[in-house]
Amino acid sequence: MSDEHLYKKVLDELKASGPDEVLLAKAFAESNGNATEARARYLRLRVTQLQAAGKPASNVSNISATMLSFEAIRPIFWPVVAVIAISAILAAAEALPIGH
């Protein structure tokens, strides 16, 4: 898929409101102070941000996968939590200086 529309969007943003100052500083630093390289780096960084912002579907699928994983362990989840809690309580009780 072509990313030319993203570069157009970045150019439109620059005309309308100027660069993102933090991103520009990052581009400048990564370009070792070379202003020409920094401008080109800024464009690439901003396009990368827009590409990442346009991928919420992968996050949704990750959430779905996580929920499916939880559904698979749900039958044993609370019993395991109960055993861990009881073990912690018993260990704490043994550490108390009562009757010593």
PDB file of N, CA and C in Angstrom:
ATOM      1  N   MET A   1       0.848  -1.183   0.000  1.00  0.00           N
ATOM      2  CA  MET A   1       0.000   0.000   0.000  1.00  0.00           C
ATOM      3  C   MET A   1       0.888   1.240   0.000  1.00  0.00           C
ATOM      4  N   SER A   2       0.537   2.188  -0.827  1.00  0.00           N
ATOM      5  CA  SER A   2       1.308   3.418  -0.949  1.00  0.00           C
ATOM      6  C   SER A   2       1.094   4.311   0.276  1.00  0.00           C
ATOM      7  N   ASP A   3       2.162   4.967   0.691  1.00  0.00           N
ATOM      8  CA  ASP A   3       2.067   5.865   1.840  1.00  0.00           C
ATOM      9  C   ASP A   3       2.100   7.331   1.409  1.00  0.00           C
ATOM     10  N   GLU A   4       1.933   7.578   0.102  1.00  0.00           N
ATOM     11  CA  GLU A   4       1.988   8.954  -0.396  1.00  0.00           C
ATOM     12  C   GLU A   4       0.912   9.839   0.239  1.00  0.00           C
ATOM     13  N   HIS A   5      -0.254   9.259   0.500  1.00  0.00           N
ATOM     14  CA  HIS A   5      -1.322  10.051   1.129  1.00  0.00           C
ATOM     15  C   HIS A   5      -0.914  10.508   2.533  1.00  0.00           C
ATOM     16  N   LEU A   6      -0.078   9.708   3.203  1.00  0.00           N
ATOM     17  CA  LEU A   6       0.398  10.097   4.535  1.00  0.00           C
ATOM     18  C   LEU A   6       1.393  11.250   4.451  1.00  0.00           C
ATOM     19  N   TYR A   7       2.257  11.224   3.436  1.00  0.00           N
ATOM     20  CA  TYR A   7       3.184  12.340   3.254  1.00  0.00           C
ATOM     21  C   TYR A   7       2.405  13.616   2.923  1.00  0.00           C
ATOM     22  N   LYS A   8       1.344  13.468   2.121  1.00  0.00           N
ATOM     23  CA  LYS A   8       0.490  14.627   1.802  1.00  0.00           C
ATOM     24  C   LYS A   8      -0.145  15.167   3.075  1.00  0.00           C
ATOM     25  N   LYS A   9      -0.610  14.272   3.929  1.00  0.00           N
ATOM     26  CA  LYS A   9      -1.215  14.696   5.193  1.00  0.00           C
ATOM     27  C   LYS A   9      -0.202  15.452   6.055  1.00  0.00           C
ATOM     28  N   VAL A  10       1.033  14.957   6.104  1.00  0.00           N
ATOM     29  CA  VAL A  10       2.075  15.629   6.886  1.00  0.00           C
ATOM     30  C   VAL A  10       2.345  17.019   6.316  1.00  0.00           C
ATOM     31  N   LEU A  11       2.444  17.112   5.004  1.00  0.00           N
ATOM     32  CA  LEU A  11       2.662  18.426   4.384  1.00  0.00           C
ATOM     33  C   LEU A  11       1.509  19.374   4.691  1.00  0.00           C
ATOM     34  N   ASP A  12       0.283  18.875   4.648  1.00  0.00           N
ATOM     35  CA  ASP A  12      -0.880  19.701   4.990  1.00  0.00           C
ATOM     36  C   ASP A  12      -0.834  20.156   6.442  1.00  0.00           C
ATOM     37  N   GLU A  13      -0.423  19.254   7.333  1.00  0.00           N
ATOM     38  CA  GLU A  13      -0.276  19.617   8.749  1.00  0.00           C
ATOM     39  C   GLU A  13       0.763  20.728   8.921  1.00  0.00           C
ATOM     40  N   LEU A  14       1.875  20.572   8.220  1.00  0.00           N
ATOM     41  CA  LEU A  14       2.942  21.571   8.332  1.00  0.00           C
ATOM     42  C   LEU A  14       2.465  22.938   7.858  1.00  0.00           C
ATOM     43  N   LYS A  15       1.694  22.966   6.773  1.00  0.00           N
ATOM     44  CA  LYS A  15       1.174  24.232   6.258  1.00  0.00           C
ATOM     45  C   LYS A  15       0.156  24.840   7.224  1.00  0.00           C
ATOM     46  N   ALA A  16      -0.673  24.004   7.810  1.00  0.00           N
ATOM     47  CA  ALA A  16      -1.754  24.486   8.668  1.00  0.00           C
ATOM     48  C   ALA A  16      -1.279  24.901  10.058  1.00  0.00           C
ATOM     49  N   SER A  17      -0.437  24.066  10.680  1.00  0.00           N
ATOM     50  CA  SER A  17      -0.103  24.347  12.080  1.00  0.00           C
ATOM     51  C   SER A  17       1.376  24.230  12.411  1.00  0.00           C
ATOM     52  N   GLY A  18       2.195  23.960  11.420  1.00  0.00           N
ATOM     53  CA  GLY A  18       3.621  23.829  11.690  1.00  0.00           C
ATOM     54  C   GLY A  18       3.951  22.453  12.221  1.00  0.00           C
ATOM     55  N   PRO A  19       5.227  22.216  12.488  1.00  0.00           N
ATOM     56  CA  PRO A  19       5.647  20.882  12.943  1.00  0.00           C
ATOM     57  C   PRO A  19       5.342  20.649  14.422  1.00  0.00           C
ATOM     58  N   ASP A  20       5.280  19.393  14.780  1.00  0.00           N
ATOM     59  CA  ASP A  20       5.213  18.989  16.175  1.00  0.00           C
ATOM     60  C   ASP A  20       6.606  19.263  16.743  1.00  0.00           C
ATOM     61  N   GLU A  21       6.695  20.149  17.727  1.00  0.00           N
ATOM     62  CA  GLU A  21       8.004  20.604  18.214  1.00  0.00           C
ATOM     63  C   GLU A  21       8.836  19.489  18.821  1.00  0.00           C
ATOM     64  N   VAL A  22       8.202  18.584  19.535  1.00  0.00           N
ATOM     65  CA  VAL A  22       8.943  17.482  20.160  1.00  0.00           C
ATOM     66  C   VAL A  22       9.480  16.541  19.085  1.00  0.00           C
ATOM     67  N   LEU A  23       8.654  16.223  18.112  1.00  0.00           N
ATOM     68  CA  LEU A  23       9.091  15.348  17.031  1.00  0.00           C
ATOM     69  C   LEU A  23      10.192  16.006  16.201  1.00  0.00           C
ATOM     70  N   LEU A  24      10.075  17.314  16.015  1.00  0.00           N
ATOM     71  CA  LEU A  24      11.108  18.047  15.284  1.00  0.00           C
ATOM     72  C   LEU A  24      12.433  18.018  16.048  1.00  0.00           C
ATOM     73  N   ALA A  25      12.366  18.168  17.352  1.00  0.00           N
ATOM     74  CA  ALA A  25      13.578  18.104  18.174  1.00  0.00           C
ATOM     75  C   ALA A  25      14.219  16.721  18.071  1.00  0.00           C
ATOM     76  N   LYS A  26      13.393  15.682  18.084  1.00  0.00           N
ATOM     77  CA  LYS A  26      13.907  14.322  17.945  1.00  0.00           C
ATOM     78  C   LYS A  26      14.578  14.152  16.586  1.00  0.00           C
ATOM     79  N   ALA A  27      13.920  14.623  15.534  1.00  0.00           N
ATOM     80  CA  ALA A  27      14.488  14.515  14.187  1.00  0.00           C
ATOM     81  C   ALA A  27      15.802  15.262  14.095  1.00  0.00           C
ATOM     82  N   PHE A  28      15.863  16.430  14.699  1.00  0.00           N
ATOM     83  CA  PHE A  28      17.083  17.242  14.680  1.00  0.00           C
ATOM     84  C   PHE A  28      18.216  16.519  15.409  1.00  0.00           C
ATOM     85  N   ALA A  29      17.891  15.948  16.566  1.00  0.00           N
ATOM     86  CA  ALA A  29      18.906  15.224  17.347  1.00  0.00           C
ATOM     87  C   ALA A  29      19.398  13.991  16.594  1.00  0.00           C
ATOM     88  N   GLU A  30      18.476  13.265  15.978  1.00  0.00           N
ATOM     89  CA  GLU A  30      18.858  12.061  15.243  1.00  0.00           C
ATOM     90  C   GLU A  30      19.635  12.387  13.970  1.00  0.00           C
ATOM     91  N   SER A  31      19.555  13.632  13.527  1.00  0.00           N
ATOM     92  CA  SER A  31      20.268  14.066  12.326  1.00  0.00           C
ATOM     93  C   SER A  31      21.564  14.785  12.667  1.00  0.00           C
ATOM     94  N   ASN A  32      21.975  14.717  13.935  1.00  0.00           N
ATOM     95  CA  ASN A  32      23.208  15.347  14.406  1.00  0.00           C
ATOM     96  C   ASN A  32      23.274  16.830  14.068  1.00  0.00           C
ATOM     97  N   GLY A  33      22.136  17.501  14.151  1.00  0.00           N
ATOM     98  CA  GLY A  33      22.102  18.943  13.938  1.00  0.00           C
ATOM     99  C   GLY A  33      22.044  19.382  12.496  1.00  0.00           C
ATOM    100  N   ASN A  34      22.003  18.460  11.561  1.00  0.00           N
ATOM    101  CA  ASN A  34      21.928  18.815  10.148  1.00  0.00           C
ATOM    102  C   ASN A  34      20.471  19.147   9.819  1.00  0.00           C
ATOM    103  N   ALA A  35      20.200  20.412   9.531  1.00  0.00           N
ATOM    104  CA  ALA A  35      18.826  20.877   9.337  1.00  0.00           C
ATOM    105  C   ALA A  35      18.140  20.212   8.149  1.00  0.00           C
ATOM    106  N   THR A  36      18.876  20.005   7.061  1.00  0.00           N
ATOM    107  CA  THR A  36      18.281  19.373   5.877  1.00  0.00           C
ATOM    108  C   THR A  36      17.891  17.933   6.181  1.00  0.00           C
ATOM    109  N   GLU A  37      18.799  17.206   6.825  1.00  0.00           N
ATOM    110  CA  GLU A  37      18.490  15.829   7.217  1.00  0.00           C
ATOM    111  C   GLU A  37      17.354  15.796   8.236  1.00  0.00           C
ATOM    112  N   ALA A  38      17.318  16.772   9.129  1.00  0.00           N
ATOM    113  CA  ALA A  38      16.278  16.817  10.162  1.00  0.00           C
ATOM    114  C   ALA A  38      14.895  16.978   9.543  1.00  0.00           C
ATOM    115  N   ARG A  39      14.781  17.812   8.509  1.00  0.00           N
ATOM    116  CA  ARG A  39      13.481  17.988   7.848  1.00  0.00           C
ATOM    117  C   ARG A  39      13.015  16.677   7.222  1.00  0.00           C
ATOM    118  N   ALA A  40      13.936  15.985   6.553  1.00  0.00           N
ATOM    119  CA  ALA A  40      13.584  14.703   5.940  1.00  0.00           C
ATOM    120  C   ALA A  40      13.250  13.666   7.012  1.00  0.00           C
ATOM    121  N   ARG A  41      14.020  13.656   8.081  1.00  0.00           N
ATOM    122  CA  ARG A  41      13.785  12.715   9.183  1.00  0.00           C
ATOM    123  C   ARG A  41      12.442  12.990   9.831  1.00  0.00           C
ATOM    124  N   TYR A  42      12.097  14.265   9.998  1.00  0.00           N
ATOM    125  CA  TYR A  42      10.807  14.640  10.576  1.00  0.00           C
ATOM    126  C   TYR A  42       9.668  14.042   9.747  1.00  0.00           C
ATOM    127  N   LEU A  43       9.757  14.193   8.431  1.00  0.00           N
ATOM    128  CA  LEU A  43       8.696  13.661   7.562  1.00  0.00           C
ATOM    129  C   LEU A  43       8.556  12.148   7.749  1.00  0.00           C
ATOM    130  N   ARG A  44       9.683  11.441   7.791  1.00  0.00           N
ATOM    131  CA  ARG A  44       9.620   9.982   7.959  1.00  0.00           C
ATOM    132  C   ARG A  44       9.055   9.603   9.322  1.00  0.00           C
ATOM    133  N   LEU A  45       9.475  10.305  10.371  1.00  0.00           N
ATOM    134  CA  LEU A  45       8.981  10.006  11.717  1.00  0.00           C
ATOM    135  C   LEU A  45       7.476  10.254  11.825  1.00  0.00           C
ATOM    136  N   ARG A  46       7.024  11.366  11.243  1.00  0.00           N
ATOM    137  CA  ARG A  46       5.595  11.699  11.329  1.00  0.00           C
ATOM    138  C   ARG A  46       4.760  10.706  10.529  1.00  0.00           C
ATOM    139  N   VAL A  47       5.249  10.291   9.358  1.00  0.00           N
ATOM    140  CA  VAL A  47       4.529   9.281   8.576  1.00  0.00           C
ATOM    141  C   VAL A  47       4.457   7.968   9.356  1.00  0.00           C
ATOM    142  N   THR A  48       5.545   7.612  10.013  1.00  0.00           N
ATOM    143  CA  THR A  48       5.550   6.398  10.832  1.00  0.00           C
ATOM    144  C   THR A  48       4.514   6.496  11.944  1.00  0.00           C
ATOM    145  N   GLN A  49       4.402   7.668  12.579  1.00  0.00           N
ATOM    146  CA  GLN A  49       3.384   7.863  13.615  1.00  0.00           C
ATOM    147  C   GLN A  49       1.986   7.669  13.045  1.00  0.00           C
ATOM    148  N   LEU A  50       1.732   8.247  11.885  1.00  0.00           N
ATOM    149  CA  LEU A  50       0.407   8.131  11.266  1.00  0.00           C
ATOM    150  C   LEU A  50       0.107   6.683  10.885  1.00  0.00           C
ATOM    151  N   GLN A  51       1.118   5.965  10.407  1.00  0.00           N
ATOM    152  CA  GLN A  51       0.918   4.557  10.079  1.00  0.00           C
ATOM    153  C   GLN A  51       0.550   3.764  11.329  1.00  0.00           C
ATOM    154  N   ALA A  52       1.248   4.038  12.427  1.00  0.00           N
ATOM    155  CA  ALA A  52       0.970   3.326  13.675  1.00  0.00           C
ATOM    156  C   ALA A  52      -0.425   3.672  14.196  1.00  0.00           C
ATOM    157  N   ALA A  53      -0.832   4.924  14.047  1.00  0.00           N
ATOM    158  CA  ALA A  53      -2.146   5.346  14.519  1.00  0.00           C
ATOM    159  C   ALA A  53      -3.259   4.724  13.692  1.00  0.00           C
ATOM    160  N   GLY A  54      -2.957   4.337  12.465  1.00  0.00           N
ATOM    161  CA  GLY A  54      -3.967   3.761  11.599  1.00  0.00           C
ATOM    162  C   GLY A  54      -4.119   2.263  11.741  1.00  0.00           C
ATOM    163  N   LYS A  55      -3.532   1.669  12.788  1.00  0.00           N
ATOM    164  CA  LYS A  55      -3.584   0.221  12.966  1.00  0.00           C
ATOM    165  C   LYS A  55      -4.261  -0.200  14.268  1.00  0.00           C
ATOM    166  N   PRO A  56      -5.442   0.335  14.585  1.00  0.00           N
ATOM    167  CA  PRO A  56      -6.085  -0.081  15.831  1.00  0.00           C
ATOM    168  C   PRO A  56      -6.632  -1.494  15.768  1.00  0.00           C
ATOM    169  N   ALA A  57      -6.837  -2.028  14.568  1.00  0.00           N
ATOM    170  CA  ALA A  57      -7.395  -3.373  14.446  1.00  0.00           C
ATOM    171  C   ALA A  57      -6.492  -4.405  15.097  1.00  0.00           C
ATOM    172  N   SER A  58      -5.174  -4.223  15.012  1.00  0.00           N
ATOM    173  CA  SER A  58      -4.271  -5.193  15.618  1.00  0.00           C
ATOM    174  C   SER A  58      -4.415  -5.173  17.135  1.00  0.00           C
ATOM    175  N   ASN A  59      -4.644  -3.979  17.712  1.00  0.00           N
ATOM    176  CA  ASN A  59      -4.862  -3.911  19.159  1.00  0.00           C
ATOM    177  C   ASN A  59      -6.137  -4.628  19.549  1.00  0.00           C
ATOM    178  N   VAL A  60      -7.183  -4.476  18.737  1.00  0.00           N
ATOM    179  CA  VAL A  60      -8.444  -5.150  19.019  1.00  0.00           C
ATOM    180  C   VAL A  60      -8.251  -6.650  18.960  1.00  0.00           C
ATOM    181  N   SER A  61      -7.515  -7.128  17.969  1.00  0.00           N
ATOM    182  CA  SER A  61      -7.303  -8.569  17.877  1.00  0.00           C
ATOM    183  C   SER A  61      -6.449  -9.062  19.040  1.00  0.00           C
ATOM    184  N   ASN A  62      -5.491  -8.258  19.501  1.00  0.00           N
ATOM    185  CA  ASN A  62      -4.696  -8.648  20.670  1.00  0.00           C
ATOM    186  C   ASN A  62      -5.562  -8.740  21.909  1.00  0.00           C
ATOM    187  N   ILE A  63      -6.486  -7.791  22.077  1.00  0.00           N
ATOM    188  CA  ILE A  63      -7.396  -7.815  23.218  1.00  0.00           C
ATOM    189  C   ILE A  63      -8.289  -9.044  23.132  1.00  0.00           C
ATOM    190  N   SER A  64      -8.793  -9.345  21.936  1.00  0.00           N
ATOM    191  CA  SER A  64      -9.634 -10.522  21.755  1.00  0.00           C
ATOM    192  C   SER A  64      -8.867 -11.792  22.093  1.00  0.00           C
ATOM    193  N   ALA A  65      -7.623 -11.869  21.659  1.00  0.00           N
ATOM    194  CA  ALA A  65      -6.808 -13.045  21.943  1.00  0.00           C
ATOM    195  C   ALA A  65      -6.575 -13.183  23.442  1.00  0.00           C
ATOM    196  N   THR A  66      -6.344 -12.057  24.112  1.00  0.00           N
ATOM    197  CA  THR A  66      -6.142 -12.089  25.558  1.00  0.00           C
ATOM    198  C   THR A  66      -7.395 -12.565  26.271  1.00  0.00           C
ATOM    199  N   MET A  67      -8.543 -12.073  25.832  1.00  0.00           N
ATOM    200  CA  MET A  67      -9.800 -12.493  26.454  1.00  0.00           C
ATOM    201  C   MET A  67     -10.042 -13.980  26.218  1.00  0.00           C
ATOM    202  N   LEU A  68      -9.735 -14.465  25.024  1.00  0.00           N
ATOM    203  CA  LEU A  68      -9.888 -15.894  24.753  1.00  0.00           C
ATOM    204  C   LEU A  68      -8.963 -16.707  25.645  1.00  0.00           C
ATOM    205  N   SER A  69      -7.751 -16.209  25.859  1.00  0.00           N
ATOM    206  CA  SER A  69      -6.814 -16.905  26.736  1.00  0.00           C
ATOM    207  C   SER A  69      -7.353 -16.948  28.159  1.00  0.00           C
ATOM    208  N   PHE A  70      -7.928 -15.842  28.618  1.00  0.00           N
ATOM    209  CA  PHE A  70      -8.480 -15.811  29.966  1.00  0.00           C
ATOM    210  C   PHE A  70      -9.656 -16.770  30.080  1.00  0.00           C
ATOM    211  N   GLU A  71     -10.494 -16.813  29.047  1.00  0.00           N
ATOM    212  CA  GLU A  71     -11.631 -17.731  29.067  1.00  0.00           C
ATOM    213  C   GLU A  71     -11.149 -19.174  29.212  1.00  0.00           C
ATOM    214  N   ALA A  72     -10.012 -19.480  28.621  1.00  0.00           N
ATOM    215  CA  ALA A  72      -9.477 -20.831  28.700  1.00  0.00           C
ATOM    216  C   ALA A  72      -9.040 -21.185  30.118  1.00  0.00           C
ATOM    217  N   ILE A  73      -8.546 -20.205  30.887  1.00  0.00           N
ATOM    218  CA  ILE A  73      -8.074 -20.509  32.253  1.00  0.00           C
ATOM    219  C   ILE A  73      -9.083 -20.148  33.332  1.00  0.00           C
ATOM    220  N   ARG A  74     -10.211 -19.563  32.942  1.00  0.00           N
ATOM    221  CA  ARG A  74     -11.206 -19.125  33.935  1.00  0.00           C
ATOM    222  C   ARG A  74     -11.576 -20.223  34.931  1.00  0.00           C
ATOM    223  N   PRO A  75     -11.799 -21.480  34.511  1.00  0.00           N
ATOM    224  CA  PRO A  75     -12.209 -22.505  35.480  1.00  0.00           C
ATOM    225  C   PRO A  75     -11.203 -22.728  36.605  1.00  0.00           C
ATOM    226  N   ILE A  76      -9.927 -22.488  36.351  1.00  0.00           N
ATOM    227  CA  ILE A  76      -8.927 -22.720  37.407  1.00  0.00           C
ATOM    228  C   ILE A  76      -8.438 -21.425  38.045  1.00  0.00           C
ATOM    229  N   PHE A  77      -8.848 -20.266  37.518  1.00  0.00           N
ATOM    230  CA  PHE A  77      -8.314 -18.985  37.989  1.00  0.00           C
ATOM    231  C   PHE A  77      -8.592 -18.763  39.475  1.00  0.00           C
ATOM    232  N   TRP A  78      -9.852 -18.780  39.895  1.00  0.00           N
ATOM    233  CA  TRP A  78     -10.179 -18.467  41.287  1.00  0.00           C
ATOM    234  C   TRP A  78      -9.656 -19.504  42.272  1.00  0.00           C
ATOM    235  N   PRO A  79      -9.712 -20.802  41.950  1.00  0.00           N
ATOM    236  CA  PRO A  79      -9.100 -21.754  42.884  1.00  0.00           C
ATOM    237  C   PRO A  79      -7.597 -21.508  43.084  1.00  0.00           C
ATOM    238  N   VAL A  80      -6.894 -21.149  42.011  1.00  0.00           N
ATOM    239  CA  VAL A  80      -5.463 -20.861  42.131  1.00  0.00           C
ATOM    240  C   VAL A  80      -5.242 -19.609  42.968  1.00  0.00           C
ATOM    241  N   VAL A  81      -6.060 -18.588  42.741  1.00  0.00           N
ATOM    242  CA  VAL A  81      -5.953 -17.360  43.537  1.00  0.00           C
ATOM    243  C   VAL A  81      -6.208 -17.669  45.006  1.00  0.00           C
ATOM    244  N   ALA A  82      -7.189 -18.513  45.294  1.00  0.00           N
ATOM    245  CA  ALA A  82      -7.504 -18.873  46.678  1.00  0.00           C
ATOM    246  C   ALA A  82      -6.325 -19.595  47.333  1.00  0.00           C
ATOM    247  N   VAL A  83      -5.698 -20.522  46.628  1.00  0.00           N
ATOM    248  CA  VAL A  83      -4.550 -21.256  47.174  1.00  0.00           C
ATOM    249  C   VAL A  83      -3.396 -20.300  47.460  1.00  0.00           C
ATOM    250  N   ILE A  84      -3.149 -19.372  46.548  1.00  0.00           N
ATOM    251  CA  ILE A  84      -2.072 -18.397  46.745  1.00  0.00           C
ATOM    252  C   ILE A  84      -2.373 -17.522  47.960  1.00  0.00           C
ATOM    253  N   ALA A  85      -3.619 -17.066  48.083  1.00  0.00           N
ATOM    254  CA  ALA A  85      -4.000 -16.202  49.202  1.00  0.00           C
ATOM    255  C   ALA A  85      -3.884 -16.946  50.523  1.00  0.00           C
ATOM    256  N   ILE A  86      -4.356 -18.170  50.566  1.00  0.00           N
ATOM    257  CA  ILE A  86      -4.278 -18.954  51.800  1.00  0.00           C
ATOM    258  C   ILE A  86      -2.824 -19.221  52.169  1.00  0.00           C
ATOM    259  N   SER A  87      -1.996 -19.524  51.178  1.00  0.00           N
ATOM    260  CA  SER A  87      -0.569 -19.751  51.446  1.00  0.00           C
ATOM    261  C   SER A  87       0.086 -18.498  52.023  1.00  0.00           C
ATOM    262  N   ALA A  88      -0.267 -17.340  51.469  1.00  0.00           N
ATOM    263  CA  ALA A  88       0.296 -16.083  51.969  1.00  0.00           C
ATOM    264  C   ALA A  88      -0.158 -15.817  53.389  1.00  0.00           C
ATOM    265  N   ILE A  89      -1.414 -16.087  53.693  1.00  0.00           N
ATOM    266  CA  ILE A  89      -1.935 -15.879  55.050  1.00  0.00           C
ATOM    267  C   ILE A  89      -1.244 -16.815  56.036  1.00  0.00           C
ATOM    268  N   LEU A  90      -1.085 -18.069  55.667  1.00  0.00           N
ATOM    269  CA  LEU A  90      -0.423 -19.030  56.551  1.00  0.00           C
ATOM    270  C   LEU A  90       1.044 -18.660  56.779  1.00  0.00           C
ATOM    271  N   ALA A  91       1.720 -18.204  55.732  1.00  0.00           N
ATOM    272  CA  ALA A  91       3.117 -17.796  55.885  1.00  0.00           C
ATOM    273  C   ALA A  91       3.222 -16.585  56.796  1.00  0.00           C
ATOM    274  N   ALA A  92       2.292 -15.652  56.664  1.00  0.00           N
ATOM    275  CA  ALA A  92       2.304 -14.468  57.525  1.00  0.00           C
ATOM    276  C   ALA A  92       2.003 -14.853  58.964  1.00  0.00           C
ATOM    277  N   ALA A  93       1.089 -15.786  59.150  1.00  0.00           N
ATOM    278  CA  ALA A  93       0.739 -16.220  60.503  1.00  0.00           C
ATOM    279  C   ALA A  93       1.919 -16.914  61.178  1.00  0.00           C
ATOM    280  N   GLU A  94       2.662 -17.701  60.426  1.00  0.00           N
ATOM    281  CA  GLU A  94       3.833 -18.373  60.992  1.00  0.00           C
ATOM    282  C   GLU A  94       4.922 -17.382  61.377  1.00  0.00           C
ATOM    283  N   ALA A  95       4.958 -16.260  60.718  1.00  0.00           N
ATOM    284  CA  ALA A  95       5.991 -15.254  61.001  1.00  0.00           C
ATOM    285  C   ALA A  95       5.654 -14.411  62.229  1.00  0.00           C
ATOM    286  N   LEU A  96       4.414 -14.474  62.699  1.00  0.00           N
ATOM    287  CA  LEU A  96       4.031 -13.687  63.873  1.00  0.00           C
ATOM    288  C   LEU A  96       4.699 -14.252  65.131  1.00  0.00           C
ATOM    289  N   PRO A  97       5.160 -13.406  66.028  1.00  0.00           N
ATOM    290  CA  PRO A  97       5.861 -13.860  67.227  1.00  0.00           C
ATOM    291  C   PRO A  97       4.901 -14.253  68.365  1.00  0.00           C
ATOM    292  N   ILE A  98       3.775 -14.863  68.035  1.00  0.00           N
ATOM    293  CA  ILE A  98       2.796 -15.243  69.057  1.00  0.00           C
ATOM    294  C   ILE A  98       3.176 -16.619  69.620  1.00  0.00           C
ATOM    295  N   GLY A  99       3.233 -16.708  70.958  1.00  0.00           N
ATOM    296  CA  GLY A  99       3.495 -17.969  71.627  1.00  0.00           C
ATOM    297  C   GLY A  99       4.940 -18.438  71.561  1.00  0.00           C
ATOM    298  N   HIS A 100       5.856 -17.595  71.192  1.00  0.00           N
ATOM    299  CA  HIS A 100       7.266 -18.003  71.116  1.00  0.00           C
ATOM    300  C   HIS A 100       7.997 -17.587  72.349  1.00  0.00           C
TER     301      HIS A 100
END
